[in-house]
Protein backbone atom coordinates (compact mmCIF):
# COMPACT_ATOMS: atom_id res chain seq x y z
CA UNK A 1 0.00 0.00 0.00
CA UNK A 2 1.31 3.47 -0.80
CA UNK A 3 1.79 6.03 1.98
CA UNK A 4 -1.08 8.34 1.03
CA UNK A 5 -3.42 5.40 0.58
CA UNK A 6 -2.44 4.04 4.00
CA UNK A 7 -3.03 7.41 5.67
CA UNK A 8 -6.44 7.83 4.05
CA UNK A 9 -7.44 4.28 5.04
CA UNK A 10 -6.46 4.89 8.67
CA UNK A 11 -8.37 8.19 8.74
CA UNK A 12 -11.40 6.51 7.14
CA UNK A 13 -11.35 3.69 9.68
CA UNK A 14 -10.91 5.97 12.69
CA UNK A 15 -13.46 8.60 11.50
CA UNK A 16 -11.76 11.40 13.44
CA UNK A 17 -8.81 13.77 13.10
CA UNK A 18 -5.48 12.20 14.03
CA UNK A 19 -1.94 13.40 14.57
CA UNK A 20 0.48 12.09 11.96
CA UNK A 21 2.30 10.03 14.59
CA UNK A 22 -0.94 8.15 15.36
CA UNK A 23 -1.61 7.67 11.65
CA UNK A 24 1.88 6.23 11.21
CA UNK A 25 1.57 3.97 14.25
CA UNK A 26 -1.80 2.58 13.17
CA UNK A 27 -0.68 2.10 9.57
CA UNK A 28 2.34 0.12 10.76
CA UNK A 29 0.36 -1.93 13.30
CA UNK A 30 -2.34 -2.77 10.75
CA UNK A 31 0.23 -3.81 8.18
CA UNK A 32 -0.57 -1.08 5.65
CA UNK A 33 3.06 0.02 5.72
CA UNK A 34 6.10 -2.21 6.09
CA UNK A 35 9.27 -0.51 7.35
CA UNK A 36 11.37 -3.38 5.98
CA UNK A 37 10.21 -2.97 2.38
CA UNK A 38 9.35 0.76 2.58
CA UNK A 39 12.35 2.47 4.20
CA UNK A 40 11.96 5.69 6.20
CA UNK A 41 8.16 5.53 6.62
CA UNK A 42 8.14 8.66 8.79
CA UNK A 43 9.41 11.06 6.13
CA UNK A 44 7.48 9.36 3.32
CA UNK A 45 4.23 9.57 5.29
CA UNK A 46 4.80 13.24 6.14
CA UNK A 47 5.42 14.06 2.48
CA UNK A 48 2.35 12.05 1.43
CA UNK A 49 0.17 13.87 3.97
CA UNK A 50 1.44 17.29 2.84
CA UNK A 51 0.75 16.38 -0.79
CA UNK A 52 -2.70 15.01 0.08
CA UNK A 53 -3.53 18.22 1.98
CA UNK A 54 -2.53 20.34 -1.03
CA UNK A 55 -4.66 18.16 -3.30
CA UNK A 56 -7.64 18.20 -0.93
CA UNK A 57 -7.62 14.46 -0.20
CA UNK A 58 -7.11 15.23 3.50
CA UNK A 59 -7.40 18.42 5.53
CA UNK A 60 -4.76 19.73 7.89
CA UNK A 61 -6.62 20.75 11.04
CA UNK A 62 -3.75 21.84 13.22
CA UNK A 63 -0.10 21.27 13.85
CA UNK A 64 0.41 17.73 12.56
CA UNK A 65 -3.29 16.85 12.74
CA UNK A 66 -5.10 15.54 9.66
CA UNK A 67 -8.65 14.46 8.86
CA UNK A 68 -10.70 13.48 5.87
CA UNK A 69 -12.64 16.39 4.37
CA UNK A 70 -16.31 16.54 5.22
CA UNK A 71 -18.64 15.60 2.36
CA UNK A 72 -20.14 18.53 0.46
CA UNK A 73 -23.77 18.83 1.56
CA UNK A 74 -24.51 22.13 -0.19
CA UNK A 75 -26.38 20.79 -3.02
C-alpha atoms as a PDB file:
ATOM      1  CA  UNK A   1       0.000   0.000   0.000  1.00  0.00           C
ATOM      2  CA  UNK A   2       1.310   3.471  -0.801  1.00  0.00           C
ATOM      3  CA  UNK A   3       1.794   6.026   1.980  1.00  0.00           C
ATOM      4  CA  UNK A   4      -1.076   8.339   1.029  1.00  0.00           C
ATOM      5  CA  UNK A   5      -3.418   5.397   0.576  1.00  0.00           C
ATOM      6  CA  UNK A   6      -2.445   4.037   4.005  1.00  0.00           C
ATOM      7  CA  UNK A   7      -3.034   7.405   5.671  1.00  0.00           C
ATOM      8  CA  UNK A   8      -6.443   7.827   4.048  1.00  0.00           C
ATOM      9  CA  UNK A   9      -7.436   4.282   5.040  1.00  0.00           C
ATOM     10  CA  UNK A  10      -6.461   4.894   8.674  1.00  0.00           C
ATOM     11  CA  UNK A  11      -8.374   8.191   8.736  1.00  0.00           C
ATOM     12  CA  UNK A  12     -11.399   6.513   7.144  1.00  0.00           C
ATOM     13  CA  UNK A  13     -11.355   3.685   9.675  1.00  0.00           C
ATOM     14  CA  UNK A  14     -10.911   5.969  12.687  1.00  0.00           C
ATOM     15  CA  UNK A  15     -13.458   8.596  11.504  1.00  0.00           C
ATOM     16  CA  UNK A  16     -11.755  11.396  13.436  1.00  0.00           C
ATOM     17  CA  UNK A  17      -8.809  13.770  13.097  1.00  0.00           C
ATOM     18  CA  UNK A  18      -5.479  12.198  14.030  1.00  0.00           C
ATOM     19  CA  UNK A  19      -1.939  13.397  14.572  1.00  0.00           C
ATOM     20  CA  UNK A  20       0.479  12.091  11.957  1.00  0.00           C
ATOM     21  CA  UNK A  21       2.295  10.027  14.586  1.00  0.00           C
ATOM     22  CA  UNK A  22      -0.938   8.153  15.358  1.00  0.00           C
ATOM     23  CA  UNK A  23      -1.608   7.669  11.645  1.00  0.00           C
ATOM     24  CA  UNK A  24       1.882   6.226  11.213  1.00  0.00           C
ATOM     25  CA  UNK A  25       1.574   3.971  14.255  1.00  0.00           C
ATOM     26  CA  UNK A  26      -1.798   2.579  13.171  1.00  0.00           C
ATOM     27  CA  UNK A  27      -0.683   2.098   9.567  1.00  0.00           C
ATOM     28  CA  UNK A  28       2.340   0.124  10.762  1.00  0.00           C
ATOM     29  CA  UNK A  29       0.356  -1.929  13.302  1.00  0.00           C
ATOM     30  CA  UNK A  30      -2.336  -2.771  10.746  1.00  0.00           C
ATOM     31  CA  UNK A  31       0.235  -3.810   8.180  1.00  0.00           C
ATOM     32  CA  UNK A  32      -0.570  -1.080   5.648  1.00  0.00           C
ATOM     33  CA  UNK A  33       3.060   0.016   5.718  1.00  0.00           C
ATOM     34  CA  UNK A  34       6.100  -2.205   6.090  1.00  0.00           C
ATOM     35  CA  UNK A  35       9.270  -0.508   7.347  1.00  0.00           C
ATOM     36  CA  UNK A  36      11.369  -3.383   5.981  1.00  0.00           C
ATOM     37  CA  UNK A  37      10.210  -2.965   2.377  1.00  0.00           C
ATOM     38  CA  UNK A  38       9.354   0.760   2.583  1.00  0.00           C
ATOM     39  CA  UNK A  39      12.350   2.473   4.202  1.00  0.00           C
ATOM     40  CA  UNK A  40      11.957   5.694   6.203  1.00  0.00           C
ATOM     41  CA  UNK A  41       8.163   5.527   6.623  1.00  0.00           C
ATOM     42  CA  UNK A  42       8.136   8.664   8.788  1.00  0.00           C
ATOM     43  CA  UNK A  43       9.406  11.057   6.131  1.00  0.00           C
ATOM     44  CA  UNK A  44       7.482   9.360   3.322  1.00  0.00           C
ATOM     45  CA  UNK A  45       4.231   9.573   5.289  1.00  0.00           C
ATOM     46  CA  UNK A  46       4.802  13.240   6.144  1.00  0.00           C
ATOM     47  CA  UNK A  47       5.425  14.061   2.476  1.00  0.00           C
ATOM     48  CA  UNK A  48       2.352  12.052   1.427  1.00  0.00           C
ATOM     49  CA  UNK A  49       0.166  13.871   3.973  1.00  0.00           C
ATOM     50  CA  UNK A  50       1.441  17.286   2.843  1.00  0.00           C
ATOM     51  CA  UNK A  51       0.754  16.383  -0.790  1.00  0.00           C
ATOM     52  CA  UNK A  52      -2.703  15.006   0.080  1.00  0.00           C
ATOM     53  CA  UNK A  53      -3.528  18.216   1.979  1.00  0.00           C
ATOM     54  CA  UNK A  54      -2.529  20.340  -1.032  1.00  0.00           C
ATOM     55  CA  UNK A  55      -4.664  18.157  -3.302  1.00  0.00           C
ATOM     56  CA  UNK A  56      -7.643  18.195  -0.925  1.00  0.00           C
ATOM     57  CA  UNK A  57      -7.619  14.461  -0.202  1.00  0.00           C
ATOM     58  CA  UNK A  58      -7.114  15.231   3.497  1.00  0.00           C
ATOM     59  CA  UNK A  59      -7.401  18.418   5.529  1.00  0.00           C
ATOM     60  CA  UNK A  60      -4.763  19.732   7.892  1.00  0.00           C
ATOM     61  CA  UNK A  61      -6.620  20.751  11.044  1.00  0.00           C
ATOM     62  CA  UNK A  62      -3.754  21.838  13.218  1.00  0.00           C
ATOM     63  CA  UNK A  63      -0.104  21.273  13.846  1.00  0.00           C
ATOM     64  CA  UNK A  64       0.408  17.728  12.556  1.00  0.00           C
ATOM     65  CA  UNK A  65      -3.292  16.847  12.740  1.00  0.00           C
ATOM     66  CA  UNK A  66      -5.096  15.538   9.662  1.00  0.00           C
ATOM     67  CA  UNK A  67      -8.648  14.462   8.857  1.00  0.00           C
ATOM     68  CA  UNK A  68     -10.705  13.482   5.867  1.00  0.00           C
ATOM     69  CA  UNK A  69     -12.641  16.392   4.373  1.00  0.00           C
ATOM     70  CA  UNK A  70     -16.315  16.537   5.216  1.00  0.00           C
ATOM     71  CA  UNK A  71     -18.644  15.600   2.356  1.00  0.00           C
ATOM     72  CA  UNK A  72     -20.139  18.527   0.457  1.00  0.00           C
ATOM     73  CA  UNK A  73     -23.771  18.825   1.561  1.00  0.00           C
ATOM     74  CA  UNK A  74     -24.507  22.128  -0.187  1.00  0.00           C
ATOM     75  CA  UNK A  75     -26.381  20.791  -3.018  1.00  0.00           C
END
